[in-house]
Protein backbone atom coordinates (compact mmCIF):
# COMPACT_ATOMS: atom_id res chain seq x y z
CA MET A 1 31.52 -51.28 20.30
CA THR A 2 32.98 -47.97 21.45
CA ASP A 3 31.99 -46.87 24.95
CA MET A 4 30.16 -43.55 24.64
CA THR A 5 29.30 -43.10 28.32
CA ALA A 6 31.15 -39.78 28.45
CA CYS A 7 33.81 -37.95 26.54
CA SER A 8 36.26 -35.21 27.41
CA PRO A 9 37.26 -32.40 25.03
CA HIS A 10 40.28 -34.44 24.02
CA GLU A 11 38.30 -37.63 23.56
CA THR A 12 35.88 -35.97 21.17
CA ASP A 13 38.70 -35.81 18.61
CA LYS A 14 38.43 -39.56 18.11
CA TYR A 15 34.98 -39.08 16.55
CA LYS A 16 35.17 -38.33 12.87
CA ARG A 17 34.82 -34.71 11.87
CA ASN A 18 32.96 -35.81 8.80
CA GLY A 19 30.23 -37.56 10.80
CA PRO A 20 26.49 -36.86 10.71
CA LEU A 21 26.57 -33.49 12.43
CA LYS A 22 28.93 -32.22 9.78
CA ARG A 23 25.84 -32.16 7.58
CA LEU A 24 24.53 -29.37 9.78
CA VAL A 25 27.49 -27.04 10.25
CA THR A 26 27.25 -23.75 8.40
CA SER A 27 29.42 -22.62 5.52
CA LEU A 28 28.25 -19.26 4.21
CA GLY A 29 29.81 -20.01 0.85
CA ALA A 30 27.98 -23.28 0.33
CA GLN A 31 25.72 -23.63 -2.67
CA ARG A 32 22.06 -23.40 -1.80
CA PRO A 33 18.65 -23.53 -3.43
CA GLU A 34 18.07 -20.34 -5.35
CA PRO A 35 15.06 -18.09 -4.76
CA SER A 36 12.45 -18.04 -7.45
CA GLY A 37 12.70 -14.29 -7.91
CA LYS A 38 8.95 -13.78 -7.45
CA TRP A 39 9.35 -10.96 -4.97
CA ARG A 40 5.94 -9.59 -4.15
CA ASP A 41 4.20 -7.66 -1.43
CA ARG A 42 1.91 -10.61 -0.72
CA GLY A 43 1.94 -10.34 3.05
CA ARG A 44 4.13 -11.80 5.74
CA GLN A 45 2.83 -15.37 5.41
CA ASP A 46 3.99 -15.66 1.80
CA MET A 47 7.28 -13.91 2.56
CA VAL A 48 8.09 -16.45 5.26
CA GLN A 49 7.12 -19.33 2.98
CA PHE A 50 9.50 -17.92 0.41
CA LYS A 51 12.38 -17.87 2.90
CA THR A 52 11.76 -21.41 4.15
CA ARG A 53 12.78 -22.61 0.69
CA ASP A 54 16.21 -21.09 1.31
CA TRP A 55 18.87 -21.21 4.03
CA LEU A 56 18.64 -17.92 5.90
CA ALA A 57 22.25 -18.15 7.08
CA ASP A 58 23.34 -17.65 3.46
CA ASP A 59 21.54 -14.31 3.14
CA ASP A 60 23.85 -11.31 3.54
CA ALA A 61 20.97 -9.38 5.11
CA ILE A 62 21.11 -11.56 8.24
CA ALA A 63 24.93 -11.48 8.57
CA PRO A 64 25.04 -8.88 11.41
CA SER A 65 22.63 -11.02 13.44
CA LEU A 66 24.71 -14.15 12.85
CA GLU A 67 27.65 -12.55 14.64
CA LYS A 68 25.42 -11.89 17.65
CA TRP A 69 23.96 -15.40 17.48
CA GLN A 70 27.46 -16.85 17.49
CA ARG A 71 28.31 -15.08 20.75
CA ALA A 72 25.03 -16.22 22.28
CA VAL A 73 25.56 -19.87 21.33
CA ASP A 74 29.14 -19.84 22.62
CA LEU A 75 27.98 -18.35 25.95
CA MET A 76 25.07 -20.79 26.22
CA THR A 77 27.38 -23.75 25.62
CA GLU A 78 29.87 -22.49 28.19
CA LEU A 79 27.27 -21.83 30.90
CA LEU A 80 25.77 -25.31 30.50
CA GLY A 81 29.17 -26.98 30.26
CA ALA A 82 27.96 -28.70 27.11
CA THR A 83 30.03 -30.41 24.43
CA ALA A 84 28.41 -28.44 21.61
CA GLY A 85 25.74 -25.86 20.91
CA PHE A 86 23.89 -25.10 17.68
CA ILE A 87 21.25 -22.99 16.02
CA VAL A 88 19.81 -25.39 13.47
CA GLU A 89 17.78 -24.15 10.52
CA TYR A 90 14.84 -26.27 9.35
CA ASN A 91 13.56 -26.50 5.78
CA ASP A 92 10.40 -28.54 5.27
CA ARG A 93 11.55 -29.69 1.82
CA LEU A 94 15.28 -30.11 2.31
CA GLY A 95 15.96 -31.01 5.92
CA TYR A 96 18.20 -29.53 8.60
CA ARG A 97 21.34 -27.40 8.53
CA ALA A 98 23.04 -25.45 11.30
CA ALA A 99 23.18 -21.69 11.03
CA ILE A 100 25.54 -21.44 14.01
CA THR A 101 27.79 -23.94 15.79
CA SER A 102 29.68 -23.29 19.02
CA THR A 103 33.39 -22.64 18.66
CA ASN A 104 34.51 -24.31 21.91
CA ASP A 105 37.33 -26.86 21.77
CA ALA A 106 35.08 -29.73 22.84
CA ASN A 107 32.88 -29.37 19.76
CA PRO A 108 34.31 -31.65 17.06
CA TYR A 109 32.31 -29.80 14.40
CA ALA A 110 33.40 -26.24 15.05
CA GLY A 111 34.42 -24.67 11.75
CA CYS A 112 33.36 -27.61 9.57
CA ASP A 113 31.68 -27.08 6.21
CA SER A 114 27.98 -27.68 5.85
CA THR A 115 25.82 -30.22 4.13
CA VAL A 116 22.18 -31.00 4.81
CA THR A 117 20.69 -33.70 7.03
CA GLY A 118 17.61 -35.20 5.40
CA LEU A 119 14.11 -34.98 6.82
CA ASP A 120 13.92 -38.73 7.47
CA THR A 121 17.09 -38.92 9.57
CA ASN A 122 16.27 -39.67 13.20
CA ILE A 123 18.05 -36.77 14.91
CA PHE A 124 17.13 -35.02 18.14
CA CYS A 125 16.07 -31.76 16.47
CA ARG A 126 13.46 -33.68 14.53
CA GLN A 127 11.62 -34.25 17.82
CA VAL A 128 11.52 -30.50 18.51
CA ILE A 129 10.05 -29.84 15.07
CA ALA A 130 7.49 -32.64 15.44
CA GLN A 131 6.34 -31.47 18.87
CA GLY A 132 6.56 -27.76 18.14
CA GLY A 133 7.96 -27.30 21.64
CA SER A 134 10.99 -27.82 23.85
CA PHE A 135 12.48 -31.31 24.03
CA TYR A 136 14.93 -32.65 26.61
CA GLU A 137 16.69 -36.01 26.44
CA PRO A 138 18.98 -36.31 29.50
CA ASP A 139 20.41 -39.70 28.50
CA ALA A 140 19.63 -41.43 25.20
CA ARG A 141 21.85 -44.45 25.81
CA GLY A 142 20.08 -47.78 25.55
CA LYS A 143 16.76 -46.28 24.41
CA SER A 144 15.26 -48.00 21.40
CA GLU A 145 13.84 -44.80 19.91
CA TRP A 146 17.38 -43.50 19.39
CA ALA A 147 18.96 -46.73 18.15
CA ASP A 148 19.32 -45.28 14.65
CA ASN A 149 20.18 -41.72 15.68
CA PRO A 150 23.62 -40.99 14.17
CA GLU A 151 24.20 -38.20 16.68
CA LEU A 152 24.22 -40.87 19.38
CA THR A 153 25.60 -43.90 17.56
CA GLU A 154 28.33 -42.14 15.56
CA ASP A 155 29.01 -38.84 17.32
CA GLY A 156 28.56 -39.96 20.90
CA PHE A 157 26.09 -37.25 21.90
CA CYS A 158 23.79 -38.85 24.46
CA SER A 159 22.19 -35.72 25.95
CA TYR A 160 20.19 -33.07 24.12
CA PHE A 161 18.08 -30.06 24.97
CA GLY A 162 16.48 -27.96 22.25
CA VAL A 163 13.75 -25.37 21.84
CA PRO A 164 11.98 -24.26 18.65
CA VAL A 165 12.71 -20.92 17.00
CA THR A 166 9.78 -19.51 15.03
CA TRP A 167 8.87 -16.79 12.59
CA SER A 168 6.25 -14.25 13.68
CA ASN A 169 3.40 -16.28 12.18
CA GLY A 170 4.37 -19.43 14.08
CA THR A 171 6.15 -21.16 11.19
CA ILE A 172 9.19 -22.99 12.58
CA PHE A 173 12.54 -21.50 11.58
CA GLY A 174 14.57 -24.16 13.41
CA THR A 175 15.97 -24.90 16.86
CA ILE A 176 18.52 -23.69 19.36
CA CYS A 177 20.05 -26.64 21.15
CA VAL A 178 22.90 -28.11 23.19
CA PHE A 179 24.49 -31.56 22.95
CA ASP A 180 26.58 -33.39 25.50
CA CYS A 181 28.59 -36.61 25.44
CA LYS A 182 27.60 -37.37 29.02
CA PRO A 183 24.18 -37.59 30.69
CA THR A 184 22.88 -34.28 32.05
CA GLN A 185 20.32 -32.91 34.49
CA TYR A 186 19.66 -29.34 33.41
CA SER A 187 17.74 -27.29 35.95
CA ASP A 188 14.62 -25.34 35.04
CA THR A 189 16.70 -22.18 35.32
CA LEU A 190 19.19 -23.33 32.69
CA GLN A 191 16.37 -24.41 30.40
CA LYS A 192 14.75 -20.99 30.79
CA LEU A 193 18.10 -19.42 29.92
CA ILE A 194 18.09 -21.16 26.54
CA GLU A 195 14.49 -20.10 25.99
CA THR A 196 15.48 -16.49 26.70
CA ILE A 197 18.30 -16.68 24.16
CA ARG A 198 15.74 -18.11 21.75
CA ASP A 199 13.55 -15.04 22.31
CA LEU A 200 16.45 -12.77 21.32
CA ILE A 201 16.99 -14.75 18.12
CA GLU A 202 13.30 -14.50 17.28
CA ALA A 203 13.45 -10.73 17.76
CA ASP A 204 16.14 -10.63 15.06
CA LEU A 205 13.92 -12.72 12.79
CA ARG A 206 11.13 -10.16 13.22
CA LEU A 207 13.50 -7.41 12.09
CA TYR A 208 14.57 -9.53 9.14
CA GLU A 209 10.93 -10.04 8.13
CA GLN A 210 10.32 -6.30 8.18
CA PHE A 211 13.45 -5.76 6.10
CA GLN A 212 12.31 -8.32 3.54
CA ILE A 213 8.87 -6.74 3.28
CA MET A 214 10.39 -3.31 2.65
CA ARG A 215 12.91 -4.73 0.19
CA SER A 216 10.14 -6.56 -1.62
CA ILE A 217 8.18 -3.35 -2.02
CA SER A 218 11.20 -1.43 -3.34
CA LEU A 219 12.19 -4.14 -5.84
CA SER A 220 8.73 -5.02 -7.14
CA ASP A 221 6.75 -3.79 -10.11
CA GLN A 222 3.41 -2.64 -8.71
CA LEU A 223 1.40 -3.48 -11.83
CA THR A 224 2.51 -7.08 -12.45
CA GLY A 225 3.92 -8.09 -9.07
CA LEU A 226 7.16 -9.24 -10.73
CA ASN A 227 10.58 -7.83 -9.96
CA ASN A 228 11.15 -4.37 -11.34
CA ARG A 229 14.35 -3.73 -13.29
CA ALA A 230 16.40 -3.06 -10.15
CA GLY A 231 15.13 -6.22 -8.49
CA PHE A 232 15.73 -8.35 -11.56
CA GLU A 233 19.26 -7.06 -12.06
CA MET A 234 20.16 -7.61 -8.40
CA LEU A 235 18.97 -11.23 -8.47
CA ALA A 236 20.48 -11.82 -11.92
CA GLN A 237 23.91 -10.70 -10.72
CA GLN A 238 23.65 -13.19 -7.85
CA LYS A 239 22.73 -15.93 -10.32
CA ILE A 240 25.67 -15.10 -12.56
CA ARG A 241 28.14 -15.19 -9.66
CA ILE A 242 26.88 -18.61 -8.60
CA ALA A 243 26.93 -19.87 -12.20
CA LYS A 244 30.58 -18.93 -12.54
CA ARG A 245 31.44 -20.60 -9.26
CA TYR A 246 29.59 -23.86 -9.93
CA HIS A 247 30.02 -24.00 -13.72
CA HIS A 248 26.38 -23.63 -14.74
CA HIS A 249 25.14 -22.57 -18.17
CA ILE A 250 22.95 -19.46 -18.10
CA GLY A 251 19.86 -18.88 -20.21
CA LEU A 252 18.20 -15.51 -20.74
CA ILE A 253 14.82 -14.80 -22.33
CA PHE A 254 13.74 -11.35 -23.46
CA ILE A 255 9.99 -10.83 -23.98
CA ASP A 256 8.05 -7.94 -25.50
CA LEU A 257 4.27 -7.50 -25.51
CA ASP A 258 3.29 -7.09 -29.16
CA ASN A 259 1.28 -4.06 -30.28
CA MET A 260 1.15 -2.28 -26.94
CA LYS A 261 -0.03 0.87 -28.72
CA HIS A 262 -2.94 -1.11 -30.18
CA TRP A 263 -4.09 -2.21 -26.73
CA ASN A 264 -3.94 1.32 -25.35
CA ASP A 265 -5.46 3.08 -28.37
CA ASP A 266 -8.18 0.60 -29.33
CA TYR A 267 -9.30 -0.58 -25.90
CA GLY A 268 -7.98 2.01 -23.46
CA HIS A 269 -5.06 2.19 -21.05
CA ALA A 270 -6.80 -0.07 -18.54
CA ALA A 271 -6.77 -2.78 -21.21
CA GLY A 272 -3.10 -2.13 -21.86
CA ASP A 273 -2.42 -2.63 -18.15
CA ALA A 274 -4.51 -5.81 -18.18
CA ALA A 275 -2.47 -7.16 -21.10
CA LEU A 276 0.77 -6.48 -19.22
CA LYS A 277 -0.62 -8.21 -16.14
CA ALA A 278 -1.60 -11.19 -18.28
CA VAL A 279 1.96 -11.50 -19.58
CA GLY A 280 3.30 -11.28 -16.02
CA THR A 281 0.88 -13.97 -14.87
CA ALA A 282 1.82 -16.22 -17.80
CA ILE A 283 5.52 -15.83 -17.03
CA THR A 284 5.00 -16.65 -13.36
CA ALA A 285 2.98 -19.74 -14.26
CA SER A 286 5.53 -20.97 -16.81
CA ILE A 287 8.99 -20.55 -15.27
CA ARG A 288 10.72 -22.98 -12.95
CA GLU A 289 11.09 -22.32 -9.24
CA VAL A 290 14.80 -21.58 -9.65
CA ASP A 291 14.30 -19.02 -12.44
CA ILE A 292 14.05 -15.28 -11.88
CA CYS A 293 11.91 -12.87 -13.86
CA GLY A 294 11.06 -9.21 -14.02
CA ARG A 295 9.35 -6.41 -15.88
CA ILE A 296 12.34 -4.40 -17.00
CA GLY A 297 10.63 -1.74 -19.09
CA GLY A 298 7.23 -0.54 -20.24
CA ASP A 299 6.27 -3.65 -22.21
CA GLU A 300 9.47 -5.66 -21.79
CA PHE A 301 10.12 -8.64 -19.54
CA ALA A 302 13.15 -10.84 -18.85
CA ILE A 303 13.73 -14.33 -17.45
CA LEU A 304 17.10 -15.73 -16.34
CA GLY A 305 17.99 -19.19 -15.08
CA TYR A 306 20.37 -22.13 -15.26
CA VAL A 307 19.86 -24.30 -18.35
CA ARG A 308 21.26 -27.33 -20.14
CA ASN A 309 20.65 -25.99 -23.64
CA ARG A 310 18.43 -23.70 -25.70
CA GLY A 311 15.65 -26.26 -25.54
CA ASP A 312 15.04 -25.39 -21.89
CA LEU A 313 14.36 -21.78 -22.89
CA THR A 314 12.18 -22.77 -25.84
CA THR A 315 10.04 -24.85 -23.49
CA ILE A 316 9.48 -21.86 -21.19
CA ILE A 317 8.55 -19.58 -24.10
CA THR A 318 6.09 -22.18 -25.41
CA ARG A 319 4.47 -22.46 -22.00
CA ILE A 320 4.06 -18.69 -21.76
CA ARG A 321 2.41 -18.51 -25.18
CA ASN A 322 0.10 -21.40 -24.33
CA VAL A 323 -1.01 -19.68 -21.12
CA LEU A 324 -1.64 -16.43 -22.97
CA GLN A 325 -3.79 -18.21 -25.56
CA THR A 326 -6.29 -19.03 -22.81
CA ALA A 327 -6.17 -15.61 -21.14
CA ARG A 328 -9.45 -13.73 -20.91
CA LEU A 329 -9.17 -10.01 -20.31
CA LEU A 330 -12.19 -8.50 -18.58
CA VAL A 331 -11.70 -4.75 -18.45
CA PRO A 332 -14.63 -2.66 -17.13
CA GLY A 333 -14.92 0.54 -19.12
CA SER A 334 -13.06 -0.81 -22.14
CA LYS A 335 -13.71 1.15 -25.33
CA LYS A 336 -15.07 -2.03 -26.92
CA PRO A 337 -15.31 -5.75 -26.10
CA ILE A 338 -11.97 -7.57 -26.09
CA HIS A 339 -11.99 -10.71 -28.25
CA GLU A 340 -8.24 -11.27 -28.53
CA THR A 341 -5.43 -12.37 -26.26
CA PRO A 342 -2.02 -10.76 -25.71
CA LYS A 343 0.77 -11.97 -27.97
CA ILE A 344 4.49 -11.72 -27.40
CA SER A 345 7.78 -11.70 -29.22
CA ALA A 346 10.56 -13.57 -27.45
CA GLY A 347 14.30 -13.97 -27.84
CA ALA A 348 16.48 -16.51 -26.07
CA SER A 349 20.22 -16.77 -25.61
CA VAL A 350 22.35 -19.40 -23.87
CA PHE A 351 25.72 -18.58 -22.32
CA PHE A 352 27.76 -21.71 -21.80
CA GLU A 353 30.24 -22.01 -18.97
CA PRO A 354 32.72 -20.59 -18.41
CA VAL A 355 30.39 -17.59 -18.56
CA LYS A 356 32.32 -14.50 -19.56
CA GLU A 357 29.56 -12.12 -20.63
CA THR A 358 28.27 -9.39 -18.33
CA LEU A 359 24.56 -9.11 -17.57
CA GLU A 360 24.35 -6.08 -19.86
CA GLU A 361 25.91 -8.04 -22.71
CA MET A 362 23.56 -10.96 -22.10
CA MET A 363 20.51 -8.70 -22.17
CA ASP A 364 21.69 -7.00 -25.37
CA MET A 365 22.06 -10.37 -27.11
CA ALA A 366 18.66 -11.64 -25.95
CA ASP A 367 17.09 -8.31 -26.93
CA ARG A 368 18.44 -8.68 -30.47
CA GLU A 369 17.03 -12.22 -30.64
CA MET A 370 13.66 -10.87 -29.52
CA TYR A 371 13.60 -8.29 -32.32
CA ARG A 372 14.44 -11.00 -34.85
CA ASP A 373 11.42 -12.91 -33.61
CA LYS A 374 9.26 -9.78 -33.81
CA ASN A 375 10.33 -9.15 -37.41
CA ARG A 376 9.56 -12.74 -38.38
CA ASN A 377 6.04 -12.41 -36.98
CA ARG A 378 5.16 -9.24 -38.89
């Protein structure tokens, strides 16, 4: 068995660069879980929950902070004389992935691409998340609780100190931590230094939260809570770029609330608004987490996502119609009692990879399909 008592910067090269920590190292171009597109001004708690389903390091909005975080992690690693330093992002569904890794020569993972370490893997950061507080392991060698920790057994990191990084509501974003291939005895002063750097990172997260709240307001439709046209088109363009890169098929659904004039004229404009809200609610309840949706016009809605075939889109449309069949519109001040439910016309188009159509061309094609459906239903 290899002796892992200590390792110099040169000796670290003997450990494989594709080892367990490679799962954590950031690559901004890596594919990631896509946001659902349900941008809403639902308060900070929901906004943070939305972001914990994504890797923040992949969001262009945080890029200026990442440059600052990189300098902080490099300085932290240098001051502690550590083998490696990281800011590790935590996702309660997906696992762990580093947002930042130190660039010093001793770190065998500097510049490596990222994959994700699963939630069940017994790594040091897992202890920080479980405790919700700082965790220090000066020397993990020979301790049974770390016998299956790949950071020790495969990478040779026997010392670890990490502190949690949190969002403003206390939800854990991840950790900032240092690893060493030799036992350590960090003083209270050095530990406080890392905690101070953590505070600076959390200040950036607060700014990011405020930015997301303002962006959500500007890209949301106030009536339905869905994306407005600008928000939908922004997210759709992101989806299309990723589809081209990873060879996904794209599906687009165009939806129109039937007889909008009837709702406004016969029941009143409040009823017309209620019908639009009902369609928005039905769409939200029927799409998949990875789909995006929006209200793109007065009575028009759109949904875009990755699909296998047209059947995926047909399933979504059927779900929406089923939800609407059970909708009950209670509108105080309506001109007369409402004994009907909103009905829709829907068109669906699939764009198989390699996707060559622009978003405008896709929407035109789905719009034409929607009008064919409307004419069939007359």
